[in-house]
């Protein structure tokens, strides 16, 4: 699960409802640890406060296995970043992928999972389960 998926989940959007369905159907759900920081940053930045951010982070931890940045994930993230950068160029995206995107993709590859997202940087990748509009 990437940040996009969790934000939609908490927002109760149409994409969020799809995320809930997929969560219910999944045997295992993984969330890269960097996603916890991204989720917290979003809600604190939007003025929901530290407590609300903490509650959402706790829910992510309850509903998924949080995966840290191991040496294997770190090296794969280096490779994944270059792939995402080239992918973004092919798609003619204005925004460049971030290191967090690379860590999300690397984590999925290392644990043998898919990335549940609607983030354009992942659109069309074999590792992606697309929930975006």
C-alpha atoms as a PDB file:
ATOM      1  CA  UNK A   1       0.000   0.000   0.000  1.00  0.00           C
ATOM      2  CA  UNK A   2       1.306   3.403  -0.832  1.00  0.00           C
ATOM      3  CA  UNK A   3       0.301   6.769   0.617  1.00  0.00           C
ATOM      4  CA  UNK A   4      -2.231   7.415  -2.137  1.00  0.00           C
ATOM      5  CA  UNK A   5      -4.135   4.253  -1.256  1.00  0.00           C
ATOM      6  CA  UNK A   6      -4.198   5.008   2.470  1.00  0.00           C
ATOM      7  CA  UNK A   7      -5.307   8.605   1.927  1.00  0.00           C
ATOM      8  CA  UNK A   8      -8.169   7.423  -0.284  1.00  0.00           C
ATOM      9  CA  UNK A   9      -9.029   4.750   2.301  1.00  0.00           C
ATOM     10  CA  UNK A  10      -9.286   7.359   5.066  1.00  0.00           C
ATOM     11  CA  UNK A  11     -11.109   9.791   2.784  1.00  0.00           C
ATOM     12  CA  UNK A  12     -13.868   7.335   1.981  1.00  0.00           C
ATOM     13  CA  UNK A  13     -13.667   8.163  -1.717  1.00  0.00           C
ATOM     14  CA  UNK A  14     -14.695   5.846  -4.537  1.00  0.00           C
ATOM     15  CA  UNK A  15     -11.053   4.823  -4.860  1.00  0.00           C
ATOM     16  CA  UNK A  16     -10.990   4.398  -1.088  1.00  0.00           C
ATOM     17  CA  UNK A  17     -13.912   1.992  -1.248  1.00  0.00           C
ATOM     18  CA  UNK A  18     -12.005  -0.045  -3.842  1.00  0.00           C
ATOM     19  CA  UNK A  19      -8.979  -0.025  -1.518  1.00  0.00           C
ATOM     20  CA  UNK A  20     -11.176  -1.342   1.329  1.00  0.00           C
ATOM     21  CA  UNK A  21     -12.451  -4.143  -0.908  1.00  0.00           C
ATOM     22  CA  UNK A  22      -8.939  -5.132  -1.928  1.00  0.00           C
ATOM     23  CA  UNK A  23      -7.750  -5.023   1.681  1.00  0.00           C
ATOM     24  CA  UNK A  24     -10.554  -7.355   2.701  1.00  0.00           C
ATOM     25  CA  UNK A  25      -9.649  -9.788  -0.096  1.00  0.00           C
ATOM     26  CA  UNK A  26      -5.891  -9.787   0.556  1.00  0.00           C
ATOM     27  CA  UNK A  27      -4.048 -12.445   2.504  1.00  0.00           C
ATOM     28  CA  UNK A  28      -1.211 -10.073   3.325  1.00  0.00           C
ATOM     29  CA  UNK A  29      -0.933  -6.307   3.185  1.00  0.00           C
ATOM     30  CA  UNK A  30       2.391  -4.482   3.398  1.00  0.00           C
ATOM     31  CA  UNK A  31       3.077  -0.812   3.961  1.00  0.00           C
ATOM     32  CA  UNK A  32       6.592   0.616   3.563  1.00  0.00           C
ATOM     33  CA  UNK A  33       7.605   2.496   6.705  1.00  0.00           C
ATOM     34  CA  UNK A  34       8.144   5.722   4.750  1.00  0.00           C
ATOM     35  CA  UNK A  35       4.416   5.719   3.990  1.00  0.00           C
ATOM     36  CA  UNK A  36       3.711   6.181   7.708  1.00  0.00           C
ATOM     37  CA  UNK A  37       5.649   9.453   7.609  1.00  0.00           C
ATOM     38  CA  UNK A  38       3.918  10.568   4.413  1.00  0.00           C
ATOM     39  CA  UNK A  39       0.474   9.869   5.860  1.00  0.00           C
ATOM     40  CA  UNK A  40       1.296  11.693   9.103  1.00  0.00           C
ATOM     41  CA  UNK A  41       2.748  14.667   7.221  1.00  0.00           C
ATOM     42  CA  UNK A  42      -0.381  15.010   5.085  1.00  0.00           C
ATOM     43  CA  UNK A  43      -2.802  15.163   7.979  1.00  0.00           C
ATOM     44  CA  UNK A  44      -0.629  17.393  10.139  1.00  0.00           C
ATOM     45  CA  UNK A  45      -0.036  19.750   7.182  1.00  0.00           C
ATOM     46  CA  UNK A  46      -3.790  19.890   6.548  1.00  0.00           C
ATOM     47  CA  UNK A  47      -4.397  20.941  10.151  1.00  0.00           C
ATOM     48  CA  UNK A  48      -5.990  17.752  11.468  1.00  0.00           C
ATOM     49  CA  UNK A  49      -3.443  17.712  14.257  1.00  0.00           C
ATOM     50  CA  UNK A  50      -0.892  15.328  15.642  1.00  0.00           C
ATOM     51  CA  UNK A  51      -3.421  13.125  17.432  1.00  0.00           C
ATOM     52  CA  UNK A  52      -5.492  12.532  14.284  1.00  0.00           C
ATOM     53  CA  UNK A  53      -2.325  11.807  12.333  1.00  0.00           C
ATOM     54  CA  UNK A  54      -1.226   9.358  15.013  1.00  0.00           C
ATOM     55  CA  UNK A  55      -4.591   7.592  14.963  1.00  0.00           C
ATOM     56  CA  UNK A  56      -4.361   7.095  11.213  1.00  0.00           C
ATOM     57  CA  UNK A  57      -0.797   5.828  11.437  1.00  0.00           C
ATOM     58  CA  UNK A  58      -1.923   3.391  14.128  1.00  0.00           C
ATOM     59  CA  UNK A  59      -4.709   2.129  11.849  1.00  0.00           C
ATOM     60  CA  UNK A  60      -2.210   1.573   9.029  1.00  0.00           C
ATOM     61  CA  UNK A  61      -0.087  -0.447  11.462  1.00  0.00           C
ATOM     62  CA  UNK A  62      -3.094  -2.501  12.575  1.00  0.00           C
ATOM     63  CA  UNK A  63      -4.244  -3.306   9.043  1.00  0.00           C
ATOM     64  CA  UNK A  64      -0.882  -4.034   7.455  1.00  0.00           C
ATOM     65  CA  UNK A  65       2.626  -5.244   8.072  1.00  0.00           C
ATOM     66  CA  UNK A  66       5.004  -2.299   8.105  1.00  0.00           C
ATOM     67  CA  UNK A  67       8.225  -2.991   6.210  1.00  0.00           C
ATOM     68  CA  UNK A  68      11.352  -1.026   7.037  1.00  0.00           C
ATOM     69  CA  UNK A  69      14.190  -0.018   4.766  1.00  0.00           C
ATOM     70  CA  UNK A  70      16.536  -2.988   4.807  1.00  0.00           C
ATOM     71  CA  UNK A  71      19.816  -3.002   2.869  1.00  0.00           C
ATOM     72  CA  UNK A  72      18.044  -5.008   0.154  1.00  0.00           C
ATOM     73  CA  UNK A  73      15.216  -2.476  -0.078  1.00  0.00           C
ATOM     74  CA  UNK A  74      17.726   0.392  -0.119  1.00  0.00           C
ATOM     75  CA  UNK A  75      19.668  -1.010  -3.064  1.00  0.00           C
ATOM     76  CA  UNK A  76      16.493  -1.923  -4.946  1.00  0.00           C
ATOM     77  CA  UNK A  77      15.169   1.604  -4.302  1.00  0.00           C
ATOM     78  CA  UNK A  78      18.203   3.015  -6.086  1.00  0.00           C
ATOM     79  CA  UNK A  79      17.399   0.914  -9.134  1.00  0.00           C
ATOM     80  CA  UNK A  80      13.675   1.538  -8.863  1.00  0.00           C
ATOM     81  CA  UNK A  81      14.164   5.309  -8.781  1.00  0.00           C
ATOM     82  CA  UNK A  82      15.931   5.300 -12.126  1.00  0.00           C
ATOM     83  CA  UNK A  83      13.195   3.089 -13.594  1.00  0.00           C
ATOM     84  CA  UNK A  84      10.461   5.377 -12.244  1.00  0.00           C
ATOM     85  CA  UNK A  85      12.260   8.423 -13.600  1.00  0.00           C
ATOM     86  CA  UNK A  86      12.409   6.892 -17.083  1.00  0.00           C
ATOM     87  CA  UNK A  87       8.793   5.725 -16.775  1.00  0.00           C
ATOM     88  CA  UNK A  88       7.703   9.283 -15.851  1.00  0.00           C
ATOM     89  CA  UNK A  89       9.522  10.632 -18.910  1.00  0.00           C
ATOM     90  CA  UNK A  90       7.778   8.107 -21.167  1.00  0.00           C
ATOM     91  CA  UNK A  91       4.411   9.087 -19.691  1.00  0.00           C
ATOM     92  CA  UNK A  92       5.354  12.779 -20.026  1.00  0.00           C
ATOM     93  CA  UNK A  93       4.535  13.442 -16.393  1.00  0.00           C
ATOM     94  CA  UNK A  94       5.381  16.915 -15.127  1.00  0.00           C
ATOM     95  CA  UNK A  95       6.297  15.798 -11.611  1.00  0.00           C
ATOM     96  CA  UNK A  96       9.311  13.625 -11.051  1.00  0.00           C
ATOM     97  CA  UNK A  97       9.005  10.568  -8.831  1.00  0.00           C
ATOM     98  CA  UNK A  98      10.349  10.939  -5.330  1.00  0.00           C
ATOM     99  CA  UNK A  99      12.602   8.724  -3.304  1.00  0.00           C
ATOM    100  CA  UNK A 100       9.532   7.605  -1.346  1.00  0.00           C
ATOM    101  CA  UNK A 101       8.022   6.287  -4.599  1.00  0.00           C
ATOM    102  CA  UNK A 102      11.178   4.299  -5.241  1.00  0.00           C
ATOM    103  CA  UNK A 103      11.103   2.886  -1.713  1.00  0.00           C
ATOM    104  CA  UNK A 104       7.463   1.844  -2.161  1.00  0.00           C
ATOM    105  CA  UNK A 105       8.254   0.070  -5.434  1.00  0.00           C
ATOM    106  CA  UNK A 106      11.405  -1.509  -4.021  1.00  0.00           C
ATOM    107  CA  UNK A 107       9.538  -2.770  -0.969  1.00  0.00           C
ATOM    108  CA  UNK A 108       6.895  -4.380  -3.161  1.00  0.00           C
ATOM    109  CA  UNK A 109       9.565  -6.094  -5.207  1.00  0.00           C
ATOM    110  CA  UNK A 110      11.511  -7.339  -2.194  1.00  0.00           C
ATOM    111  CA  UNK A 111       8.459  -8.798  -0.435  1.00  0.00           C
ATOM    112  CA  UNK A 112       6.893 -10.069  -3.670  1.00  0.00           C
ATOM    113  CA  UNK A 113       3.832  -7.838  -3.527  1.00  0.00           C
ATOM    114  CA  UNK A 114       1.974  -5.370  -5.732  1.00  0.00           C
ATOM    115  CA  UNK A 115       1.669  -1.614  -5.215  1.00  0.00           C
ATOM    116  CA  UNK A 116      -1.904  -0.550  -4.552  1.00  0.00           C
ATOM    117  CA  UNK A 117      -2.041   3.034  -5.792  1.00  0.00           C
ATOM    118  CA  UNK A 118      -3.490   5.749  -7.958  1.00  0.00           C
ATOM    119  CA  UNK A 119      -0.194   7.648  -8.128  1.00  0.00           C
ATOM    120  CA  UNK A 120       0.575   8.391 -11.787  1.00  0.00           C
ATOM    121  CA  UNK A 121       4.227   7.431 -11.306  1.00  0.00           C
ATOM    122  CA  UNK A 122       3.163   3.790 -10.959  1.00  0.00           C
ATOM    123  CA  UNK A 123       0.527   3.695 -13.710  1.00  0.00           C
ATOM    124  CA  UNK A 124       1.100   0.837 -16.102  1.00  0.00           C
ATOM    125  CA  UNK A 125       3.875  -0.882 -14.148  1.00  0.00           C
ATOM    126  CA  UNK A 126       3.536  -4.655 -13.786  1.00  0.00           C
ATOM    127  CA  UNK A 127       3.749  -4.269  -9.994  1.00  0.00           C
ATOM    128  CA  UNK A 128       0.768  -1.898  -9.865  1.00  0.00           C
ATOM    129  CA  UNK A 129      -2.821  -2.507  -8.873  1.00  0.00           C
ATOM    130  CA  UNK A 130      -4.424   0.708 -10.089  1.00  0.00           C
ATOM    131  CA  UNK A 131      -7.197   2.325  -8.026  1.00  0.00           C
ATOM    132  CA  UNK A 132      -6.901   5.819  -9.482  1.00  0.00           C
ATOM    133  CA  UNK A 133      -9.407   7.613 -11.607  1.00  0.00           C
END
